[in-house]
C-alpha atoms as a PDB file:
ATOM      1  CA  UNK A   1     118.696 125.913  60.908  1.00  0.00           C
ATOM      2  CA  UNK A   2     118.632 122.181  60.533  1.00  0.00           C
ATOM      3  CA  UNK A   3     121.327 119.579  61.115  1.00  0.00           C
ATOM      4  CA  UNK A   4     120.445 117.766  57.904  1.00  0.00           C
ATOM      5  CA  UNK A   5     121.641 120.097  55.185  1.00  0.00           C
ATOM      6  CA  UNK A   6     123.425 117.904  52.670  1.00  0.00           C
ATOM      7  CA  UNK A   7     123.903 114.372  51.444  1.00  0.00           C
ATOM      8  CA  UNK A   8     126.317 112.560  53.767  1.00  0.00           C
ATOM      9  CA  UNK A   9     129.067 111.959  51.191  1.00  0.00           C
ATOM     10  CA  UNK A  10     129.315 115.697  50.539  1.00  0.00           C
ATOM     11  CA  UNK A  11     128.684 116.953  54.078  1.00  0.00           C
ATOM     12  CA  UNK A  12     131.382 119.208  55.548  1.00  0.00           C
ATOM     13  CA  UNK A  13     132.863 118.223  58.927  1.00  0.00           C
ATOM     14  CA  UNK A  14     131.606 121.406  60.582  1.00  0.00           C
ATOM     15  CA  UNK A  15     128.034 120.391  59.806  1.00  0.00           C
ATOM     16  CA  UNK A  16     128.584 116.959  61.349  1.00  0.00           C
ATOM     17  CA  UNK A  17     130.164 118.442  64.471  1.00  0.00           C
ATOM     18  CA  UNK A  18     128.455 121.775  65.029  1.00  0.00           C
ATOM     19  CA  UNK A  19     125.644 122.311  62.576  1.00  0.00           C
ATOM     20  CA  UNK A  20     124.566 125.523  64.324  1.00  0.00           C
ATOM     21  CA  UNK A  21     127.656 127.331  62.976  1.00  0.00           C
ATOM     22  CA  UNK A  22     128.311 127.038  59.270  1.00  0.00           C
ATOM     23  CA  UNK A  23     128.761 129.332  56.292  1.00  0.00           C
ATOM     24  CA  UNK A  24     129.518 129.258  52.575  1.00  0.00           C
ATOM     25  CA  UNK A  25     132.626 127.133  53.248  1.00  0.00           C
ATOM     26  CA  UNK A  26     130.377 124.058  53.504  1.00  0.00           C
ATOM     27  CA  UNK A  27     129.308 124.622  49.892  1.00  0.00           C
ATOM     28  CA  UNK A  28     132.947 124.780  48.812  1.00  0.00           C
ATOM     29  CA  UNK A  29     133.626 121.502  50.659  1.00  0.00           C
ATOM     30  CA  UNK A  30     130.666 119.841  48.933  1.00  0.00           C
ATOM     31  CA  UNK A  31     131.776 121.108  45.531  1.00  0.00           C
ATOM     32  CA  UNK A  32     135.252 119.672  46.104  1.00  0.00           C
ATOM     33  CA  UNK A  33     133.754 116.305  47.060  1.00  0.00           C
ATOM     34  CA  UNK A  34     131.644 116.308  43.897  1.00  0.00           C
ATOM     35  CA  UNK A  35     134.646 117.178  41.696  1.00  0.00           C
ATOM     36  CA  UNK A  36     136.679 114.387  43.311  1.00  0.00           C
ATOM     37  CA  UNK A  37     133.844 111.945  42.643  1.00  0.00           C
ATOM     38  CA  UNK A  38     133.660 113.052  39.016  1.00  0.00           C
ATOM     39  CA  UNK A  39     137.414 112.469  38.614  1.00  0.00           C
ATOM     40  CA  UNK A  40     137.599 109.152  40.482  1.00  0.00           C
ATOM     41  CA  UNK A  41     134.210 107.736  39.555  1.00  0.00           C
ATOM     42  CA  UNK A  42     133.386 107.025  43.216  1.00  0.00           C
ATOM     43  CA  UNK A  43     132.653 109.089  46.341  1.00  0.00           C
ATOM     44  CA  UNK A  44     135.705 110.503  48.110  1.00  0.00           C
ATOM     45  CA  UNK A  45     134.228 109.982  51.592  1.00  0.00           C
ATOM     46  CA  UNK A  46     131.695 107.089  51.416  1.00  0.00           C
ATOM     47  CA  UNK A  47     130.689 106.944  55.086  1.00  0.00           C
ATOM     48  CA  UNK A  48     128.030 104.511  56.305  1.00  0.00           C
ATOM     49  CA  UNK A  49     126.835 106.958  58.989  1.00  0.00           C
ATOM     50  CA  UNK A  50     128.003 110.326  60.342  1.00  0.00           C
ATOM     51  CA  UNK A  51     130.561 108.789  62.737  1.00  0.00           C
ATOM     52  CA  UNK A  52     132.063 106.601  60.006  1.00  0.00           C
ATOM     53  CA  UNK A  53     131.976 109.589  57.654  1.00  0.00           C
ATOM     54  CA  UNK A  54     134.006 111.732  60.054  1.00  0.00           C
ATOM     55  CA  UNK A  55     136.435 108.852  60.608  1.00  0.00           C
ATOM     56  CA  UNK A  56     137.051 108.493  56.859  1.00  0.00           C
ATOM     57  CA  UNK A  57     137.654 112.239  56.524  1.00  0.00           C
ATOM     58  CA  UNK A  58     140.167 112.314  59.398  1.00  0.00           C
ATOM     59  CA  UNK A  59     141.961 109.228  58.058  1.00  0.00           C
ATOM     60  CA  UNK A  60     142.575 111.041  54.770  1.00  0.00           C
ATOM     61  CA  UNK A  61     143.077 114.614  55.993  1.00  0.00           C
ATOM     62  CA  UNK A  62     144.235 114.134  59.601  1.00  0.00           C
ATOM     63  CA  UNK A  63     142.608 115.239  62.825  1.00  0.00           C
ATOM     64  CA  UNK A  64     141.810 118.897  63.432  1.00  0.00           C
ATOM     65  CA  UNK A  65     144.276 120.870  65.589  1.00  0.00           C
ATOM     66  CA  UNK A  66     143.506 121.032  69.324  1.00  0.00           C
ATOM     67  CA  UNK A  67     142.565 124.729  69.155  1.00  0.00           C
ATOM     68  CA  UNK A  68     139.936 123.949  66.515  1.00  0.00           C
ATOM     69  CA  UNK A  69     138.532 121.075  68.568  1.00  0.00           C
ATOM     70  CA  UNK A  70     138.300 123.373  71.607  1.00  0.00           C
ATOM     71  CA  UNK A  71     136.144 125.850  69.678  1.00  0.00           C
ATOM     72  CA  UNK A  72     133.588 123.233  68.698  1.00  0.00           C
ATOM     73  CA  UNK A  73     130.620 123.462  71.010  1.00  0.00           C
ATOM     74  CA  UNK A  74     128.830 120.227  70.150  1.00  0.00           C
ATOM     75  CA  UNK A  75     128.604 117.613  72.905  1.00  0.00           C
ATOM     76  CA  UNK A  76     129.119 114.929  70.257  1.00  0.00           C
ATOM     77  CA  UNK A  77     132.735 116.015  69.840  1.00  0.00           C
ATOM     78  CA  UNK A  78     133.467 115.565  73.524  1.00  0.00           C
ATOM     79  CA  UNK A  79     132.536 111.913  73.084  1.00  0.00           C
ATOM     80  CA  UNK A  80     135.191 111.533  70.354  1.00  0.00           C
ATOM     81  CA  UNK A  81     138.075 112.722  72.519  1.00  0.00           C
END
């Protein structure tokens, strides 16, 4: 698998944080982002890079629960805590 699987604006958080573990849910996330863009006429999460992208998502949706954060195995997440 590769860590670069979708355009940033439509990339699901689990791909940004732990790209080794993802499933069809990332496609549903991307579809929702595309629908929101069609309705609003602009990207829902227009991040400048992957860190900014994740920040924009958490500002709108809130931070993941602690138990979810604990299950994420990426070292990048440890840097965010």
